[in-house]
Protein backbone atom coordinates (compact mmCIF):
# COMPACT_ATOMS: atom_id res chain seq x y z
CA MET A 1 122.68 46.94 -53.06
CA THR A 2 121.79 43.92 -55.17
CA THR A 3 123.42 40.54 -54.45
CA VAL A 4 123.97 38.26 -57.45
CA LEU A 5 123.88 34.60 -56.45
CA PRO A 6 126.10 32.10 -58.23
CA ARG A 7 124.21 30.17 -60.91
CA SER A 8 124.40 26.86 -59.00
CA VAL A 9 123.02 28.46 -55.83
CA ALA A 10 120.23 30.17 -57.74
CA ALA A 11 119.34 26.88 -59.43
CA LEU A 12 119.26 25.08 -56.07
CA VAL A 13 117.01 27.76 -54.58
CA ALA A 14 114.67 27.45 -57.55
CA ARG A 15 114.65 23.66 -57.22
CA THR A 16 113.38 23.87 -53.63
CA SER A 17 110.04 25.22 -54.83
CA GLU A 18 109.36 22.22 -57.08
CA PRO A 19 106.91 19.52 -55.88
CA GLU A 20 109.47 16.74 -56.42
CA PHE A 21 112.26 18.46 -54.48
CA ALA A 22 112.16 16.04 -51.51
CA ALA A 23 112.56 12.98 -53.75
CA TRP A 24 115.23 14.72 -55.82
CA ARG A 25 117.16 15.62 -52.68
CA ARG A 26 116.93 12.06 -51.26
CA ASN A 27 118.22 10.73 -54.58
CA ILE A 28 121.42 12.74 -54.11
CA VAL A 29 121.90 12.64 -50.35
CA ARG A 30 121.73 8.83 -50.19
CA LEU A 31 124.86 8.66 -52.41
CA GLY A 32 126.96 10.03 -49.56
CA GLY A 33 128.63 12.69 -51.71
CA CYS A 34 129.70 10.52 -54.67
CA THR A 35 131.40 12.85 -57.16
CA ASN A 36 130.37 11.15 -60.42
CA PRO A 37 127.14 9.14 -60.02
CA ILE A 38 125.64 6.88 -62.67
CA HIS A 39 122.17 7.72 -64.02
CA LEU A 40 119.66 4.89 -64.54
CA VAL A 41 116.26 4.95 -66.19
CA GLY A 42 113.73 2.16 -65.71
CA ALA A 43 111.43 0.57 -63.15
CA ALA A 44 111.38 -2.16 -60.48
CA THR A 45 108.82 -4.20 -58.59
CA VAL A 46 109.12 -5.68 -55.09
CA TYR A 47 107.57 -9.16 -54.80
CA ASP A 48 106.72 -11.28 -51.77
CA THR A 49 108.79 -14.44 -52.22
CA THR A 50 106.22 -16.53 -50.31
CA THR A 51 103.05 -15.58 -52.16
CA GLY A 52 104.48 -14.11 -55.35
CA ALA A 53 102.34 -11.01 -54.88
CA ALA A 54 103.62 -7.65 -56.09
CA LEU A 55 103.99 -5.43 -53.03
CA LEU A 56 105.41 -2.26 -54.52
CA SER A 57 106.42 -0.83 -57.89
CA TYR A 58 108.50 2.25 -58.57
CA GLY A 59 110.33 3.82 -61.47
CA SER A 60 112.95 6.46 -62.10
CA ASN A 61 110.11 8.98 -62.38
CA VAL A 62 109.97 8.93 -58.58
CA TYR A 63 113.39 10.59 -58.62
CA SER A 64 112.60 13.34 -61.13
CA GLY A 65 113.17 11.03 -64.07
CA ARG A 66 116.48 9.39 -63.12
CA LEU A 67 117.69 7.06 -60.42
CA LEU A 68 121.24 7.84 -59.34
CA THR A 69 123.65 5.22 -58.08
CA ALA A 70 127.16 5.74 -56.69
CA CYS A 71 130.10 5.26 -59.05
CA GLY A 72 131.84 2.87 -56.64
CA ASN A 73 135.36 3.97 -57.70
CA ARG A 74 137.96 2.98 -55.11
CA ARG A 75 140.51 5.68 -56.01
CA ALA A 76 140.59 8.65 -53.67
CA THR A 77 141.62 11.02 -56.47
CA VAL A 78 138.52 10.08 -58.49
CA CYS A 79 135.82 9.86 -55.82
CA PRO A 80 136.66 10.60 -52.18
CA ALA A 81 133.24 9.40 -50.97
CA CYS A 82 133.25 5.98 -52.66
CA SER A 83 136.93 5.42 -51.90
CA ALA A 84 136.24 6.08 -48.20
CA LEU A 85 133.67 3.28 -48.26
CA TYR A 86 136.13 0.98 -50.04
CA ARG A 87 138.81 1.84 -47.48
CA ALA A 88 136.43 1.05 -44.62
CA ASP A 89 135.56 -2.32 -46.18
CA THR A 90 139.25 -3.15 -46.67
CA TYR A 91 139.92 -2.26 -43.04
CA GLN A 92 137.21 -4.68 -41.88
CA LEU A 93 138.48 -7.40 -44.20
CA VAL A 94 142.08 -7.15 -42.99
CA ARG A 95 141.14 -6.76 -39.32
CA ALA A 96 138.83 -9.81 -39.46
CA GLY A 97 141.78 -11.90 -40.60
CA LEU A 98 143.76 -10.73 -37.57
CA VAL A 99 141.30 -10.83 -34.68
CA GLY A 100 138.23 -12.62 -36.07
CA GLY A 101 134.74 -11.51 -36.93
CA LYS A 102 132.86 -11.41 -40.25
CA SER A 103 132.62 -15.24 -40.26
CA VAL A 104 136.26 -15.63 -39.12
CA PRO A 105 136.66 -17.27 -35.66
CA GLU A 106 138.23 -15.13 -32.91
CA ALA A 107 140.72 -17.91 -32.21
CA VAL A 108 142.60 -16.73 -35.31
CA SER A 109 144.15 -13.96 -33.20
CA ALA A 110 146.35 -16.61 -31.54
CA HIS A 111 147.77 -17.87 -34.85
CA PRO A 112 151.28 -16.71 -35.88
CA GLN A 113 150.88 -13.42 -37.77
CA VAL A 114 153.52 -11.22 -39.36
CA PHE A 115 153.29 -7.77 -40.92
CA ALA A 116 155.90 -7.68 -43.69
CA THR A 117 157.11 -4.93 -46.01
CA LEU A 118 158.86 -6.00 -49.21
CA THR A 119 160.66 -3.17 -50.98
CA ALA A 120 161.82 -2.55 -54.52
CA PRO A 121 165.55 -2.68 -55.24
CA GLY A 122 167.57 0.42 -56.07
CA PHE A 123 168.08 1.40 -59.70
CA GLY A 124 170.25 4.39 -58.97
CA PRO A 125 170.76 6.91 -56.14
CA VAL A 126 167.85 9.29 -55.57
CA HIS A 127 167.33 12.27 -53.29
CA THR A 128 165.92 11.13 -49.97
CA ARG A 129 165.02 12.52 -46.56
CA ARG A 130 166.93 10.85 -43.74
CA GLU A 131 166.17 11.34 -40.08
CA ARG A 132 167.74 10.10 -36.86
CA ASP A 133 166.57 10.93 -33.34
CA GLY A 134 164.27 13.59 -34.74
CA HIS A 135 167.00 15.38 -36.67
CA VAL A 136 167.14 15.62 -40.47
CA ARG A 137 170.46 14.40 -41.84
CA SER A 138 172.26 15.04 -45.11
CA CYS A 139 170.70 13.35 -48.12
CA ARG A 140 173.72 11.48 -49.50
CA PRO A 141 176.99 12.73 -47.99
CA ARG A 142 180.02 12.07 -50.19
CA ARG A 143 183.49 13.51 -50.48
CA ALA A 144 183.64 16.85 -52.24
CA GLY A 145 184.51 16.36 -55.89
CA ASP A 146 183.10 12.82 -56.21
CA GLN A 147 181.28 12.55 -59.50
CA CYS A 148 179.41 9.94 -61.53
CA PRO A 149 180.67 8.97 -65.01
CA HIS A 150 178.54 11.78 -66.47
CA GLY A 151 180.15 14.49 -64.37
CA THR A 152 177.24 14.90 -61.95
CA PRO A 153 178.04 15.16 -58.22
CA ALA A 154 177.78 11.70 -56.67
CA GLY A 155 176.44 13.03 -53.38
CA CYS A 156 174.00 15.52 -51.93
CA ARG A 157 174.53 17.28 -48.61
CA ALA A 158 171.13 18.97 -48.55
CA ARG A 159 168.81 18.35 -45.61
CA HIS A 160 165.60 17.98 -47.57
CA ALA A 161 162.30 19.27 -46.23
CA ALA A 162 159.35 16.88 -46.34
CA ASP A 163 157.86 18.79 -49.30
CA ASP A 164 161.10 19.17 -51.27
CA LEU A 165 160.34 18.57 -54.94
CA ARG A 166 163.72 16.87 -55.40
CA LEU A 167 162.75 13.91 -53.20
CA GLY A 168 162.64 10.72 -55.26
CA GLU A 169 164.48 12.31 -58.20
CA PRO A 170 167.71 10.60 -59.35
CA LEU A 171 170.96 12.37 -58.63
CA CYS A 172 171.93 11.60 -62.24
CA PRO A 173 169.10 10.65 -64.62
CA ARG A 174 171.59 9.21 -67.13
CA CYS A 175 172.94 6.81 -64.51
CA TYR A 176 169.49 5.70 -63.38
CA ASP A 177 168.39 2.32 -64.75
CA TYR A 178 164.94 3.26 -66.03
CA ALA A 179 164.59 0.09 -68.09
CA GLY A 180 165.32 -2.01 -65.02
CA ALA A 181 162.80 -0.08 -62.92
CA VAL A 182 160.05 -0.52 -65.52
CA LEU A 183 160.77 -4.23 -65.97
CA TRP A 184 160.76 -4.72 -62.20
CA HIS A 185 157.28 -3.21 -62.11
CA ALA A 186 156.14 -5.44 -64.97
CA PHE A 187 157.27 -8.56 -63.10
CA ALA A 188 156.49 -7.43 -59.54
CA GLY A 189 153.26 -9.45 -59.37
CA ARG A 190 155.05 -12.61 -60.50
CA LEU A 191 157.83 -11.89 -58.04
CA TRP A 192 155.28 -11.79 -55.22
CA HIS A 193 153.80 -15.09 -56.44
CA ARG A 194 157.27 -16.65 -56.41
CA PHE A 195 157.79 -15.29 -52.91
CA GLY A 196 154.61 -17.03 -51.72
CA LEU A 197 155.69 -20.36 -53.18
CA GLU A 198 159.17 -20.12 -51.70
CA LEU A 199 157.81 -19.08 -48.31
CA ARG A 200 155.70 -22.26 -48.10
CA ARG A 201 158.74 -24.34 -49.02
CA ASP A 202 160.93 -22.60 -46.47
CA VAL A 203 158.43 -22.92 -43.61
CA ALA A 204 157.99 -26.60 -44.45
CA ARG A 205 161.76 -27.12 -44.45
CA ARG A 206 162.15 -25.40 -41.07
CA ALA A 207 159.44 -27.69 -39.68
CA GLY A 208 161.17 -30.77 -41.11
CA LEU A 209 158.31 -31.49 -43.52
CA SER A 210 157.97 -32.05 -47.23
CA ARG A 211 155.72 -29.70 -49.19
CA THR A 212 153.02 -32.37 -49.32
CA GLU A 213 153.24 -33.02 -45.59
CA PHE A 214 153.09 -29.27 -44.92
CA GLY A 215 149.85 -28.97 -46.89
CA ASP A 216 148.32 -31.70 -44.74
CA VAL A 217 148.88 -29.84 -41.47
CA ALA A 218 149.24 -26.11 -42.19
CA ARG A 219 148.28 -23.28 -44.54
CA LEU A 220 149.69 -19.82 -45.20
CA SER A 221 147.25 -16.97 -45.85
CA TYR A 222 147.87 -13.32 -46.64
CA ALA A 223 146.39 -9.92 -47.45
CA LYS A 224 148.59 -7.37 -49.19
CA VAL A 225 148.56 -3.91 -50.72
CA ALA A 226 150.95 -2.11 -53.08
CA GLU A 227 152.20 1.36 -52.13
CA TYR A 228 153.93 3.75 -54.52
CA GLN A 229 156.98 5.50 -53.17
CA ARG A 230 158.11 8.96 -54.17
CA ARG A 231 160.78 7.40 -56.41
CA GLY A 232 157.96 5.81 -58.44
CA LEU A 233 158.37 2.19 -57.36
CA VAL A 234 155.95 0.05 -55.36
CA HIS A 235 156.41 -1.59 -51.99
CA PHE A 236 154.29 -4.52 -50.88
CA HIS A 237 152.82 -4.43 -47.37
CA ALA A 238 151.37 -7.77 -46.34
CA VAL A 239 149.82 -9.58 -43.41
CA ILE A 240 150.97 -13.20 -43.46
CA ARG A 241 149.26 -15.74 -41.19
CA LEU A 242 150.06 -19.38 -40.43
CA ASP A 243 146.98 -21.57 -39.84
CA GLY A 244 146.13 -25.22 -39.55
CA ALA A 245 145.26 -27.25 -42.64
CA ASP A 246 141.67 -25.95 -42.70
CA GLY A 247 142.68 -22.31 -42.63
CA PRO A 248 141.40 -19.92 -39.93
CA ASP A 249 138.99 -22.56 -38.61
CA SER A 250 141.84 -24.76 -37.37
CA GLY A 251 144.75 -24.06 -35.05
CA PRO A 252 148.32 -24.25 -36.34
CA PRO A 253 150.67 -27.11 -35.39
CA ASN A 254 152.81 -26.78 -32.25
CA TRP A 255 155.92 -26.02 -34.27
CA ALA A 256 154.26 -22.99 -35.90
CA THR A 257 155.57 -19.93 -34.06
CA VAL A 258 155.91 -16.24 -34.78
CA PRO A 259 159.75 -16.28 -34.70
CA LEU A 260 159.78 -19.12 -37.23
CA LEU A 261 157.51 -17.17 -39.58
CA VAL A 262 159.46 -13.93 -39.15
CA ASP A 263 162.79 -15.64 -39.86
CA SER A 264 161.35 -17.42 -42.87
CA VAL A 265 159.97 -14.24 -44.41
CA ARG A 266 163.31 -12.44 -44.03
CA ALA A 267 165.27 -15.36 -45.47
CA VAL A 268 163.02 -15.95 -48.47
CA VAL A 269 162.93 -12.30 -49.55
CA GLY A 270 166.67 -12.40 -50.10
CA ARG A 271 166.53 -15.60 -52.15
CA VAL A 272 163.67 -14.98 -54.56
CA ARG A 273 164.81 -14.25 -58.11
CA LEU A 274 163.02 -13.96 -61.44
CA ASN A 275 164.64 -13.69 -64.86
CA ALA A 276 163.38 -10.98 -67.22
CA PRO A 277 164.06 -11.18 -70.96
CA GLY A 278 166.29 -8.75 -72.82
CA ALA A 279 166.14 -7.07 -76.20
CA GLY A 280 168.76 -5.08 -78.11
CA VAL A 281 170.70 -2.86 -75.73
CA ILE A 282 168.49 -4.07 -72.84
CA GLY A 283 170.13 -7.22 -71.54
CA PRO A 284 168.35 -9.96 -69.56
CA ARG A 285 168.02 -9.26 -65.84
CA ALA A 286 167.66 -11.15 -62.60
CA LEU A 287 164.89 -9.34 -60.75
CA ARG A 288 164.59 -9.44 -56.95
CA PHE A 289 163.16 -7.56 -54.01
CA GLY A 290 165.13 -4.82 -52.28
CA ALA A 291 167.59 -5.51 -49.48
CA GLN A 292 165.42 -3.62 -47.00
CA VAL A 293 162.74 -5.90 -45.57
CA ASP A 294 160.66 -5.42 -42.45
CA ALA A 295 158.92 -8.35 -40.78
CA ARG A 296 157.37 -7.84 -37.36
CA PRO A 297 154.85 -9.78 -35.25
CA VAL A 298 151.23 -8.69 -35.21
CA THR A 299 150.02 -8.85 -31.63
CA SER A 300 147.60 -7.10 -29.32
CA TYR A 301 148.77 -8.91 -26.20
CA ARG A 302 152.43 -8.43 -25.33
CA ARG A 303 155.74 -7.12 -26.56
CA GLU A 304 158.58 -9.62 -26.63
CA ALA A 305 162.14 -8.50 -26.05
CA GLY A 306 163.74 -7.24 -29.23
CA GLU A 307 160.50 -7.21 -31.21
CA ARG A 308 158.52 -4.30 -32.63
CA PRO A 309 155.00 -5.69 -32.76
CA ALA A 310 152.21 -4.00 -34.67
CA SER A 311 148.65 -3.95 -33.41
CA PRO A 312 145.85 -5.43 -35.55
CA ALA A 313 144.08 -2.07 -35.77
CA SER A 314 147.19 -0.19 -36.92
CA VAL A 315 148.05 -2.86 -39.50
CA ALA A 316 144.50 -2.93 -40.88
CA GLY A 317 144.41 0.86 -41.03
CA TYR A 318 147.77 1.04 -42.78
CA ILE A 319 146.81 -1.46 -45.47
CA ALA A 320 143.37 0.10 -45.98
CA LYS A 321 144.93 3.54 -46.44
CA TYR A 322 146.93 2.45 -49.46
CA ALA A 323 144.13 0.36 -50.98
CA THR A 324 142.59 3.58 -52.39
CA LYS A 325 145.79 5.04 -53.87
CA ARG A 326 147.50 4.42 -57.18
CA ALA A 327 150.46 5.81 -59.11
CA GLU A 328 149.17 9.37 -58.77
CA SER A 329 150.50 9.28 -55.20
CA ALA A 330 153.98 9.14 -56.76
CA GLY A 331 153.22 12.06 -59.05
CA ALA A 332 151.98 10.06 -62.06
CA VAL A 333 148.65 10.43 -63.88
CA ASP A 334 145.39 8.61 -63.14
CA GLY A 335 144.33 7.78 -66.71
CA ARG A 336 145.74 5.66 -69.52
CA ILE A 337 148.00 7.12 -72.20
CA HIS A 338 146.76 6.25 -75.68
CA HIS A 339 149.27 8.02 -77.93
CA ALA A 340 152.91 9.02 -77.65
CA ARG A 341 151.91 12.62 -78.33
CA ASP A 342 149.87 12.59 -75.11
CA MET A 343 153.12 12.54 -73.11
CA VAL A 344 154.11 16.01 -74.30
CA LEU A 345 151.73 17.86 -71.99
CA LEU A 346 151.54 15.46 -69.04
CA PRO A 347 151.62 17.42 -65.74
CA VAL A 348 154.32 15.22 -64.16
CA ARG A 349 157.85 15.70 -62.90
CA ALA A 350 160.83 14.75 -65.04
CA HIS A 351 161.57 11.44 -63.30
CA VAL A 352 158.01 10.17 -63.73
CA LEU A 353 157.95 11.30 -67.37
CA ARG A 354 161.12 9.33 -68.04
CA MET A 355 159.56 6.20 -66.53
CA ILE A 356 156.44 6.68 -68.65
CA GLY A 357 158.59 7.23 -71.75
CA THR A 358 160.59 4.08 -70.97
CA CYS A 359 157.35 2.10 -70.72
CA TRP A 360 156.32 3.39 -74.13
CA TRP A 361 159.71 2.64 -75.66
CA LEU A 362 160.02 -0.89 -74.29
CA GLY A 363 156.36 -1.60 -74.99
CA GLY A 364 157.02 -1.05 -78.69
CA LEU A 365 159.68 -3.78 -78.83
CA PRO A 366 158.39 -7.23 -79.88
CA GLU A 367 160.23 -8.97 -77.04
CA PHE A 368 158.35 -6.93 -74.41
CA GLU A 369 154.97 -6.66 -76.12
CA PRO A 370 153.38 -9.44 -73.98
CA LEU A 371 154.04 -7.30 -70.86
CA GLY A 372 151.57 -4.62 -71.98
CA LEU A 373 153.91 -1.82 -70.93
CA ARG A 374 152.19 0.81 -73.06
CA ARG A 375 148.85 -0.12 -71.56
CA TRP A 376 150.29 0.39 -68.07
CA ALA A 377 152.54 3.36 -68.85
CA HIS A 378 150.42 5.63 -66.62
CA MET A 379 151.12 3.15 -63.80
CA LEU A 380 154.87 3.32 -64.56
CA GLY A 381 154.73 -0.27 -65.82
CA TYR A 382 152.97 -1.85 -62.85
CA GLY A 383 149.84 -3.67 -63.99
CA GLY A 384 149.18 -5.77 -60.90
CA HIS A 385 146.32 -5.51 -58.42
CA PHE A 386 146.73 -3.00 -55.63
CA SER A 387 145.02 -5.00 -52.89
CA THR A 388 144.75 -8.78 -52.91
CA LYS A 389 144.28 -11.61 -50.46
CA SER A 390 144.46 -15.37 -50.44
CA ARG A 391 141.17 -17.27 -50.55
CA ARG A 392 141.10 -18.37 -46.90
CA TYR A 393 142.47 -15.22 -45.27
CA SER A 394 139.10 -13.78 -44.20
CA THR A 395 135.80 -12.59 -45.61
CA THR A 396 135.50 -10.94 -49.03
CA LEU A 397 134.61 -7.46 -50.20
CA THR A 398 131.65 -9.01 -52.01
CA ALA A 399 130.33 -10.48 -48.77
CA LEU A 400 130.72 -7.13 -46.97
CA ARG A 401 128.87 -5.31 -49.74
CA GLN A 402 126.10 -7.91 -49.76
CA ALA A 403 125.66 -7.55 -46.00
CA ARG A 404 125.34 -3.79 -46.45
CA THR A 405 122.83 -4.27 -49.28
CA ASP A 406 120.75 -6.67 -47.16
CA HIS A 407 120.77 -4.21 -44.26
CA ARG A 408 119.56 -1.39 -46.48
CA ALA A 409 116.88 -3.62 -47.98
CA GLU A 410 115.63 -4.41 -44.48
CA GLN A 411 115.54 -0.70 -43.67
CA GLN A 412 113.58 -0.08 -46.85
CA ARG A 413 111.04 -2.80 -45.97
CA ASP A 414 110.57 -1.24 -42.55
CA SER A 415 110.03 2.22 -44.01
CA LEU A 416 107.48 0.84 -46.49
CA GLY A 417 105.60 -1.14 -43.86
CA LEU A 418 106.79 -4.48 -45.28
CA ALA A 419 108.64 -5.67 -42.15
CA GLY A 420 108.43 -9.42 -41.79
CA HIS A 421 108.01 -10.02 -45.53
CA SER A 422 110.59 -11.98 -47.45
CA THR A 423 110.98 -9.97 -50.64
CA VAL A 424 112.88 -9.85 -53.89
CA THR A 425 113.22 -6.85 -56.21
CA VAL A 426 113.01 -7.36 -59.97
CA GLY A 427 113.81 -4.43 -62.19
CA ARG A 428 114.95 -3.33 -65.62
CA TRP A 429 117.33 -0.39 -65.75
CA ARG A 430 119.42 1.14 -68.49
CA TYR A 431 122.35 3.50 -68.42
CA ALA A 432 121.41 7.13 -69.06
CA GLY A 433 124.56 9.11 -68.33
CA ARG A 434 126.53 10.25 -65.31
CA GLY A 435 127.49 13.30 -63.31
CA TYR A 436 125.56 16.16 -61.69
CA SER A 437 123.76 19.29 -62.72
CA PRO A 438 125.26 22.44 -61.10
CA GLU A 439 122.68 22.53 -58.31
CA ALA A 440 123.01 18.78 -57.66
CA ALA A 441 126.80 19.11 -57.51
CA LEU A 442 126.41 21.83 -54.89
CA LEU A 443 124.17 19.60 -52.76
CA ALA A 444 126.55 16.63 -53.16
CA ALA A 445 129.48 18.81 -52.04
CA SER A 446 127.60 19.78 -48.89
CA VAL A 447 126.95 16.08 -48.21
CA ARG A 448 130.67 15.33 -48.55
CA GLU A 449 131.54 18.15 -46.17
CA GLY A 450 129.02 16.79 -43.66
CA GLY A 451 130.39 13.26 -43.94
CA ALA A 452 127.02 11.57 -44.58
CA PRO A 453 127.38 7.85 -45.31
CA HIS A 454 126.16 6.11 -48.44
CA GLY A 455 122.47 5.31 -48.21
CA ALA A 456 121.73 8.09 -45.72
């Protein structure tokens, strides 16, 4: 009986007999399973920075003609391997701002810290899963016969399963304010900015200080991430910390307490408003955050009566998890829409398609053109950053990546017998494509399954 091997397996078996197989394999394994690597062609030379002498030269010919580098995409749907690295870096960044480390003093753990969730408002009733004491309750119980103006039942007595496709869908699409939802997304970033300004004012007022006096003695820092809900709208999850005037390097004033910060966050969320323009049948709107707001202390020490504290590790993990997700987690698409005809065959549910269509419609009106709604239609109108932080919150992703690069460079010097040398690498590389051959893709998949880190 003859066994026919798949083409990719046969190609990989054939590759093992080639003289350059070891270098070819290292070129792929060190990417940690990146799904869409970038191909570079060129050469580089390692110089001793003290003497200027050339210590080592190499070119892409060492790697069977091409040097591969990881794509670096942070989205889990695009590249699970690179997004896992991004998620790990985000975790370290957020955690350092809570307990110290990575150039942040450990004393920062004693500063008032709050983990806040700011929700989107409602634009119409949607199917939802409600639980209490471990029991699933009716979605939206109403009296039998209650209907919306379009004749659709106003309630839903179903006890939805976690994978019910109706979750997040409006009870009546004609009642749902799609224009309002899209405009809220378009202004969500500005609404967060307004929240930050108002929070500083409110904390200063509670401390009996003017805004100028507050800036002389205290500083607010944050790290936040946007999370898409099933209904297609984002929530903001944020760590907010109150420091002294010099940021994490200085202790906060005596009046700065966790209860003060918690109360201020809850009060400000309800007050922040932003006016959106109108056009034609779309009237001007006062945009705000949703009525549901969660603000709890971040602590690893004790639990005060009546509080639900969150640990630094759980907060950092929660934020990092959503740093690698985008609108596709709500059932949208992960690429831009360039033409209206592209919407015809989009593999999305009806609610998401209506939001995308509303983006396209509003984006074609002159009054809304500056919002770039067509550009961000695949994001359901949200064009803001998914993970951001204030300047003094903690370290940066750039610093974390540079530390990893320096560590790998030191490992490379050791392997080449250049330990103790201060070196610099000068090279010229050009783009030569991306992706894998069938046998390389098979090897990369095995690396992903084995969980090998980048640079292995």
